[in-house]
N, C-alpha and C. Protein backbone atom coordinates (compact mmCIF):
# COMPACT_ATOMS: atom_id res chain seq x y z
N UNK A 1 21.58 35.28 -54.32
CA UNK A 1 21.41 34.94 -52.93
C UNK A 1 21.43 36.22 -52.09
N UNK A 2 20.42 36.39 -51.29
CA UNK A 2 20.31 37.57 -50.44
C UNK A 2 21.02 37.29 -49.12
N UNK A 3 21.88 38.21 -48.73
CA UNK A 3 22.64 38.07 -47.50
C UNK A 3 21.91 38.82 -46.40
N UNK A 4 21.56 38.10 -45.34
CA UNK A 4 20.90 38.71 -44.20
C UNK A 4 21.98 39.06 -43.17
N UNK A 5 22.44 40.31 -43.21
CA UNK A 5 23.54 40.74 -42.34
C UNK A 5 23.16 40.71 -40.88
N UNK A 6 21.92 40.99 -40.58
CA UNK A 6 21.46 40.96 -39.19
C UNK A 6 21.58 39.54 -38.61
N UNK A 7 21.18 38.56 -39.40
CA UNK A 7 21.27 37.16 -38.96
C UNK A 7 22.73 36.73 -38.82
N UNK A 8 23.57 37.18 -39.76
CA UNK A 8 24.99 36.83 -39.67
C UNK A 8 25.66 37.46 -38.45
N UNK A 9 25.31 38.70 -38.15
CA UNK A 9 25.87 39.36 -36.96
C UNK A 9 25.43 38.65 -35.69
N UNK A 10 24.16 38.24 -35.65
CA UNK A 10 23.65 37.52 -34.47
C UNK A 10 24.37 36.18 -34.32
N UNK A 11 24.58 35.49 -35.42
CA UNK A 11 25.29 34.21 -35.40
C UNK A 11 26.72 34.40 -34.90
N UNK A 12 27.40 35.41 -35.42
CA UNK A 12 28.77 35.69 -34.99
C UNK A 12 28.81 36.09 -33.53
N UNK A 13 27.89 36.94 -33.10
CA UNK A 13 27.86 37.39 -31.70
C UNK A 13 27.61 36.21 -30.76
N UNK A 14 26.72 35.33 -31.14
CA UNK A 14 26.43 34.16 -30.30
C UNK A 14 27.65 33.26 -30.19
N UNK A 15 28.33 33.04 -31.30
CA UNK A 15 29.53 32.20 -31.26
C UNK A 15 30.65 32.85 -30.45
N UNK A 16 30.78 34.16 -30.54
CA UNK A 16 31.77 34.86 -29.71
C UNK A 16 31.41 34.70 -28.23
N UNK A 17 30.13 34.79 -27.91
CA UNK A 17 29.69 34.60 -26.52
C UNK A 17 29.96 33.17 -26.05
N UNK A 18 29.78 32.20 -26.91
CA UNK A 18 30.09 30.81 -26.52
C UNK A 18 31.57 30.64 -26.21
N UNK A 19 32.43 31.20 -27.04
CA UNK A 19 33.87 31.10 -26.81
C UNK A 19 34.27 31.88 -25.55
N UNK A 20 33.66 33.04 -25.34
CA UNK A 20 33.93 33.82 -24.12
C UNK A 20 33.46 33.05 -22.89
N UNK A 21 32.29 32.41 -22.98
CA UNK A 21 31.79 31.60 -21.87
C UNK A 21 32.74 30.45 -21.58
N UNK A 22 33.28 29.84 -22.63
CA UNK A 22 34.24 28.76 -22.44
C UNK A 22 35.46 29.26 -21.67
N UNK A 23 36.02 30.37 -22.11
CA UNK A 23 37.19 30.93 -21.44
C UNK A 23 36.88 31.28 -19.98
N UNK A 24 35.76 31.95 -19.75
CA UNK A 24 35.41 32.38 -18.40
C UNK A 24 35.11 31.19 -17.48
N UNK A 25 34.39 30.20 -17.97
CA UNK A 25 34.06 29.04 -17.13
C UNK A 25 35.29 28.19 -16.82
N UNK A 26 36.17 28.03 -17.79
CA UNK A 26 37.40 27.28 -17.53
C UNK A 26 38.28 28.03 -16.53
N UNK A 27 38.35 29.34 -16.67
CA UNK A 27 39.12 30.15 -15.72
C UNK A 27 38.51 30.09 -14.33
N UNK A 28 37.18 30.19 -14.24
CA UNK A 28 36.48 30.10 -12.95
C UNK A 28 36.75 28.74 -12.31
N UNK A 29 36.72 27.69 -13.10
CA UNK A 29 37.00 26.35 -12.58
C UNK A 29 38.43 26.27 -12.04
N UNK A 30 39.37 26.81 -12.80
CA UNK A 30 40.79 26.74 -12.42
C UNK A 30 41.09 27.57 -11.18
N UNK A 31 40.51 28.77 -11.11
CA UNK A 31 40.84 29.69 -10.02
C UNK A 31 40.04 29.44 -8.74
N UNK A 32 38.81 28.96 -8.87
CA UNK A 32 37.95 28.86 -7.68
C UNK A 32 37.49 27.44 -7.36
N UNK A 33 36.96 26.73 -8.35
CA UNK A 33 36.39 25.42 -8.06
C UNK A 33 37.45 24.38 -7.72
N UNK A 34 38.50 24.29 -8.51
CA UNK A 34 39.55 23.30 -8.22
C UNK A 34 40.21 23.52 -6.87
N UNK A 35 40.61 24.75 -6.55
CA UNK A 35 41.21 24.94 -5.23
C UNK A 35 40.25 24.64 -4.08
N UNK A 36 38.98 24.95 -4.26
CA UNK A 36 38.01 24.74 -3.18
C UNK A 36 37.59 23.28 -3.04
N UNK A 37 37.44 22.58 -4.15
CA UNK A 37 36.88 21.23 -4.10
C UNK A 37 37.80 20.15 -4.65
N UNK A 38 39.01 20.51 -5.06
CA UNK A 38 39.92 19.56 -5.68
C UNK A 38 40.35 18.42 -4.78
N UNK A 39 40.29 18.61 -3.49
CA UNK A 39 40.73 17.58 -2.55
C UNK A 39 39.69 16.47 -2.35
N UNK A 40 38.42 16.75 -2.66
CA UNK A 40 37.36 15.75 -2.51
C UNK A 40 37.47 14.74 -3.64
N UNK A 41 37.33 13.44 -3.33
CA UNK A 41 37.56 12.41 -4.34
C UNK A 41 36.70 12.56 -5.60
N UNK A 42 35.40 12.57 -5.48
CA UNK A 42 34.54 12.61 -6.66
C UNK A 42 34.48 14.01 -7.25
N UNK A 43 34.31 15.00 -6.42
CA UNK A 43 34.22 16.38 -6.91
C UNK A 43 35.55 16.82 -7.51
N UNK A 44 36.65 16.33 -6.96
CA UNK A 44 37.96 16.63 -7.53
C UNK A 44 38.09 16.12 -8.96
N UNK A 45 37.59 14.92 -9.20
CA UNK A 45 37.62 14.36 -10.56
C UNK A 45 36.76 15.22 -11.48
N UNK A 46 35.58 15.61 -10.99
CA UNK A 46 34.68 16.43 -11.81
C UNK A 46 35.29 17.79 -12.15
N UNK A 47 35.95 18.42 -11.18
CA UNK A 47 36.55 19.72 -11.47
C UNK A 47 37.76 19.58 -12.39
N UNK A 48 38.42 18.42 -12.34
CA UNK A 48 39.55 18.20 -13.24
C UNK A 48 39.12 18.01 -14.69
N UNK A 49 37.99 17.34 -14.90
CA UNK A 49 37.57 17.07 -16.29
C UNK A 49 36.53 18.07 -16.79
N UNK A 50 36.10 19.01 -15.97
CA UNK A 50 35.12 20.01 -16.40
C UNK A 50 35.58 20.81 -17.62
N UNK A 51 36.84 21.24 -17.71
CA UNK A 51 37.26 21.98 -18.91
C UNK A 51 37.07 21.19 -20.21
N UNK A 52 37.30 19.88 -20.17
CA UNK A 52 37.10 19.07 -21.37
C UNK A 52 35.62 19.01 -21.74
N UNK A 53 34.76 18.85 -20.74
CA UNK A 53 33.32 18.84 -21.00
C UNK A 53 32.88 20.17 -21.59
N UNK A 54 33.32 21.26 -20.98
CA UNK A 54 32.93 22.59 -21.45
C UNK A 54 33.43 22.85 -22.87
N UNK A 55 34.68 22.47 -23.14
CA UNK A 55 35.24 22.69 -24.47
C UNK A 55 34.43 21.92 -25.52
N UNK A 56 34.18 20.65 -25.26
CA UNK A 56 33.44 19.84 -26.23
C UNK A 56 32.03 20.38 -26.43
N UNK A 57 31.36 20.71 -25.35
CA UNK A 57 29.98 21.17 -25.43
C UNK A 57 29.87 22.54 -26.10
N UNK A 58 30.62 23.50 -25.63
CA UNK A 58 30.47 24.86 -26.14
C UNK A 58 31.00 25.03 -27.56
N UNK A 59 32.07 24.34 -27.92
CA UNK A 59 32.56 24.42 -29.29
C UNK A 59 31.58 23.71 -30.23
N UNK A 60 31.03 22.59 -29.80
CA UNK A 60 30.02 21.91 -30.61
C UNK A 60 28.75 22.77 -30.73
N UNK A 61 28.41 23.50 -29.68
CA UNK A 61 27.24 24.38 -29.74
C UNK A 61 27.43 25.51 -30.75
N UNK A 62 28.67 25.88 -31.04
CA UNK A 62 28.91 26.87 -32.08
C UNK A 62 28.45 26.32 -33.43
N UNK A 63 28.69 25.03 -33.68
CA UNK A 63 28.19 24.40 -34.91
C UNK A 63 26.67 24.30 -34.87
N UNK A 64 26.14 23.95 -33.71
CA UNK A 64 24.68 23.87 -33.56
C UNK A 64 24.05 25.23 -33.85
N UNK A 65 24.67 26.28 -33.36
CA UNK A 65 24.17 27.63 -33.58
C UNK A 65 24.06 27.94 -35.07
N UNK A 66 25.07 27.61 -35.82
CA UNK A 66 25.04 27.85 -37.26
C UNK A 66 23.95 27.06 -37.96
N UNK A 67 23.78 25.81 -37.58
CA UNK A 67 22.77 24.96 -38.21
C UNK A 67 21.37 25.44 -37.85
N UNK A 68 21.16 25.78 -36.58
CA UNK A 68 19.83 26.21 -36.15
C UNK A 68 19.44 27.53 -36.81
N UNK A 69 20.38 28.43 -36.97
CA UNK A 69 20.04 29.73 -37.55
C UNK A 69 19.90 29.68 -39.07
N UNK A 70 20.68 28.84 -39.73
CA UNK A 70 20.64 28.79 -41.20
C UNK A 70 19.70 27.72 -41.75
N UNK A 71 19.44 26.69 -40.96
CA UNK A 71 18.53 25.60 -41.33
C UNK A 71 18.88 24.95 -42.68
N UNK A 72 20.11 24.43 -42.80
CA UNK A 72 20.46 23.75 -44.06
C UNK A 72 19.70 22.43 -44.19
N UNK A 73 19.70 21.89 -45.40
CA UNK A 73 18.97 20.65 -45.67
C UNK A 73 19.46 19.48 -44.81
N UNK A 74 20.73 19.37 -44.64
CA UNK A 74 21.31 18.25 -43.88
C UNK A 74 21.87 18.75 -42.55
N UNK A 75 21.12 19.57 -41.85
CA UNK A 75 21.58 20.17 -40.60
C UNK A 75 21.96 19.17 -39.55
N UNK A 76 21.13 18.14 -39.39
CA UNK A 76 21.41 17.11 -38.37
C UNK A 76 22.76 16.45 -38.65
N UNK A 77 23.04 16.17 -39.91
CA UNK A 77 24.31 15.56 -40.29
C UNK A 77 25.48 16.49 -39.94
N UNK A 78 25.33 17.78 -40.22
CA UNK A 78 26.38 18.75 -39.88
C UNK A 78 26.65 18.78 -38.38
N UNK A 79 25.58 18.77 -37.59
CA UNK A 79 25.75 18.81 -36.13
C UNK A 79 26.44 17.55 -35.64
N UNK A 80 26.01 16.40 -36.11
CA UNK A 80 26.61 15.15 -35.66
C UNK A 80 28.08 15.05 -36.08
N UNK A 81 28.37 15.41 -37.32
CA UNK A 81 29.76 15.36 -37.78
C UNK A 81 30.60 16.42 -37.06
N UNK A 82 30.06 17.62 -36.91
CA UNK A 82 30.80 18.67 -36.21
C UNK A 82 31.12 18.30 -34.78
N UNK A 83 30.14 17.76 -34.06
CA UNK A 83 30.37 17.35 -32.67
C UNK A 83 31.36 16.19 -32.61
N UNK A 84 31.28 15.29 -33.57
CA UNK A 84 32.23 14.16 -33.60
C UNK A 84 33.65 14.65 -33.87
N UNK A 85 33.79 15.63 -34.75
CA UNK A 85 35.12 16.19 -35.03
C UNK A 85 35.69 16.90 -33.81
N UNK A 86 34.84 17.63 -33.10
CA UNK A 86 35.30 18.29 -31.87
C UNK A 86 35.80 17.24 -30.88
N UNK A 87 35.02 16.17 -30.71
CA UNK A 87 35.44 15.10 -29.81
C UNK A 87 36.75 14.47 -30.28
N UNK A 88 36.87 14.24 -31.59
CA UNK A 88 38.08 13.62 -32.13
C UNK A 88 39.31 14.49 -31.87
N UNK A 89 39.19 15.79 -32.08
CA UNK A 89 40.32 16.70 -31.82
C UNK A 89 40.70 16.67 -30.34
N UNK A 90 39.70 16.70 -29.46
CA UNK A 90 39.99 16.65 -28.02
C UNK A 90 40.57 15.30 -27.61
N UNK A 91 40.13 14.24 -28.26
CA UNK A 91 40.68 12.91 -27.98
C UNK A 91 42.15 12.84 -28.39
N UNK A 92 42.45 13.31 -29.59
CA UNK A 92 43.84 13.30 -30.06
C UNK A 92 44.70 14.17 -29.16
N UNK A 93 44.16 15.33 -28.77
CA UNK A 93 44.92 16.22 -27.88
C UNK A 93 45.17 15.57 -26.52
N UNK A 94 44.23 14.78 -26.07
CA UNK A 94 44.40 14.09 -24.78
C UNK A 94 45.45 12.98 -24.88
N UNK A 95 45.44 12.27 -25.99
CA UNK A 95 46.38 11.16 -26.16
C UNK A 95 47.78 11.64 -26.52
N UNK A 96 47.86 12.71 -27.30
CA UNK A 96 49.14 13.28 -27.70
C UNK A 96 49.06 14.80 -27.54
N UNK A 97 49.35 15.29 -26.34
CA UNK A 97 49.18 16.73 -26.08
C UNK A 97 49.95 17.61 -27.07
N UNK A 98 49.19 18.58 -27.64
CA UNK A 98 49.78 19.47 -28.65
C UNK A 98 49.87 20.90 -28.14
N UNK A 99 48.87 21.31 -27.36
CA UNK A 99 48.77 22.72 -26.97
C UNK A 99 49.14 22.98 -25.52
N UNK A 100 49.64 21.97 -24.84
CA UNK A 100 50.11 22.17 -23.48
C UNK A 100 49.02 22.23 -22.42
N UNK A 101 47.79 21.90 -22.79
CA UNK A 101 46.70 21.95 -21.81
C UNK A 101 46.90 20.87 -20.75
N UNK A 102 47.33 19.70 -21.16
CA UNK A 102 47.60 18.64 -20.21
C UNK A 102 48.87 17.92 -20.65
N UNK A 103 49.48 17.25 -19.70
CA UNK A 103 50.72 16.56 -20.02
C UNK A 103 50.60 15.05 -19.84
N UNK A 104 49.43 14.58 -19.39
CA UNK A 104 49.27 13.15 -19.20
C UNK A 104 47.88 12.70 -19.62
N UNK A 105 47.81 11.45 -20.01
CA UNK A 105 46.57 10.82 -20.46
C UNK A 105 45.62 10.66 -19.28
N UNK A 106 44.34 10.97 -19.48
CA UNK A 106 43.35 10.83 -18.42
C UNK A 106 42.04 10.34 -19.04
N UNK A 107 41.60 9.16 -18.64
CA UNK A 107 40.37 8.57 -19.17
C UNK A 107 39.17 9.45 -18.85
N UNK A 108 39.14 10.07 -17.69
CA UNK A 108 38.01 10.93 -17.31
C UNK A 108 37.88 12.13 -18.25
N UNK A 109 39.01 12.66 -18.71
CA UNK A 109 38.96 13.78 -19.66
C UNK A 109 38.34 13.33 -20.98
N UNK A 110 38.68 12.13 -21.42
CA UNK A 110 38.10 11.61 -22.65
C UNK A 110 36.60 11.41 -22.50
N UNK A 111 36.19 10.83 -21.37
CA UNK A 111 34.77 10.64 -21.11
C UNK A 111 34.03 11.97 -21.03
N UNK A 112 34.65 12.97 -20.42
CA UNK A 112 34.03 14.29 -20.31
C UNK A 112 33.90 14.94 -21.69
N UNK A 113 34.89 14.77 -22.53
CA UNK A 113 34.81 15.31 -23.90
C UNK A 113 33.66 14.64 -24.67
N UNK A 114 33.54 13.35 -24.53
CA UNK A 114 32.44 12.64 -25.18
C UNK A 114 31.09 13.09 -24.65
N UNK A 115 30.99 13.25 -23.34
CA UNK A 115 29.74 13.72 -22.73
C UNK A 115 29.40 15.13 -23.19
N UNK A 116 30.39 15.99 -23.35
CA UNK A 116 30.16 17.35 -23.81
C UNK A 116 29.65 17.38 -25.24
N UNK A 117 30.24 16.57 -26.10
CA UNK A 117 29.78 16.50 -27.50
C UNK A 117 28.36 15.94 -27.57
N UNK A 118 28.08 14.92 -26.78
CA UNK A 118 26.73 14.36 -26.75
C UNK A 118 25.71 15.36 -26.20
N UNK A 119 26.12 16.14 -25.23
CA UNK A 119 25.23 17.16 -24.67
C UNK A 119 24.86 18.19 -25.73
N UNK A 120 25.82 18.60 -26.54
CA UNK A 120 25.53 19.55 -27.62
C UNK A 120 24.55 18.94 -28.62
N UNK A 121 24.73 17.66 -28.94
CA UNK A 121 23.80 16.98 -29.85
C UNK A 121 22.41 16.93 -29.24
N UNK A 122 22.32 16.61 -27.96
CA UNK A 122 21.02 16.56 -27.29
C UNK A 122 20.35 17.93 -27.26
N UNK A 123 21.13 18.97 -27.05
CA UNK A 123 20.57 20.33 -27.07
C UNK A 123 20.02 20.64 -28.46
N UNK A 124 20.76 20.25 -29.49
CA UNK A 124 20.28 20.45 -30.86
C UNK A 124 18.96 19.71 -31.08
N UNK A 125 18.90 18.46 -30.66
CA UNK A 125 17.68 17.67 -30.84
C UNK A 125 16.50 18.29 -30.08
N UNK A 126 16.75 18.83 -28.90
CA UNK A 126 15.69 19.50 -28.14
C UNK A 126 15.21 20.76 -28.85
N UNK A 127 16.13 21.50 -29.43
CA UNK A 127 15.75 22.71 -30.18
C UNK A 127 14.89 22.34 -31.38
N UNK A 128 15.30 21.32 -32.12
CA UNK A 128 14.56 20.88 -33.30
C UNK A 128 13.17 20.37 -32.89
N UNK A 129 13.12 19.60 -31.83
CA UNK A 129 11.83 19.07 -31.37
C UNK A 129 10.91 20.20 -30.92
N UNK A 130 11.45 21.19 -30.22
CA UNK A 130 10.59 22.31 -29.76
C UNK A 130 10.10 23.14 -30.95
N UNK A 131 10.90 23.25 -32.00
CA UNK A 131 10.46 23.98 -33.19
C UNK A 131 9.36 23.23 -33.94
N UNK A 132 9.45 21.91 -33.94
CA UNK A 132 8.43 21.11 -34.63
C UNK A 132 7.10 21.16 -33.89
N UNK A 133 7.15 21.24 -32.56
CA UNK A 133 5.93 21.29 -31.76
C UNK A 133 5.27 22.65 -31.85
N UNK A 134 6.06 23.69 -32.10
CA UNK A 134 5.50 25.05 -32.13
C UNK A 134 4.78 25.37 -33.43
């Protein structure tokens, strides 16, 4: 098996960028968006559950990145299972906080986590569809 180090470095760099984007966007939400818009009823809910959406989407996109770059035989299955596992971990963390991110159950956080995982799956499907058309 020939190892393509350039492809592996690009895959690693992209995943590092996804995790960095997650950290930066969650911090931006916490420091700027929540204080500015947290008092508004609907926007306040959105800024509260945005970190869950971002975590589910960007962590699932790390799996999508690996599948898109390596093109395994059962790539779609890997993406769907990976995104489902990300959602499951976030769901368990929401119901029984482990890492101190939240201290109470919130249905909107669960819905945002599900929406983030589904968004990653949709992005994967769009990438696959655009590759088939090209």
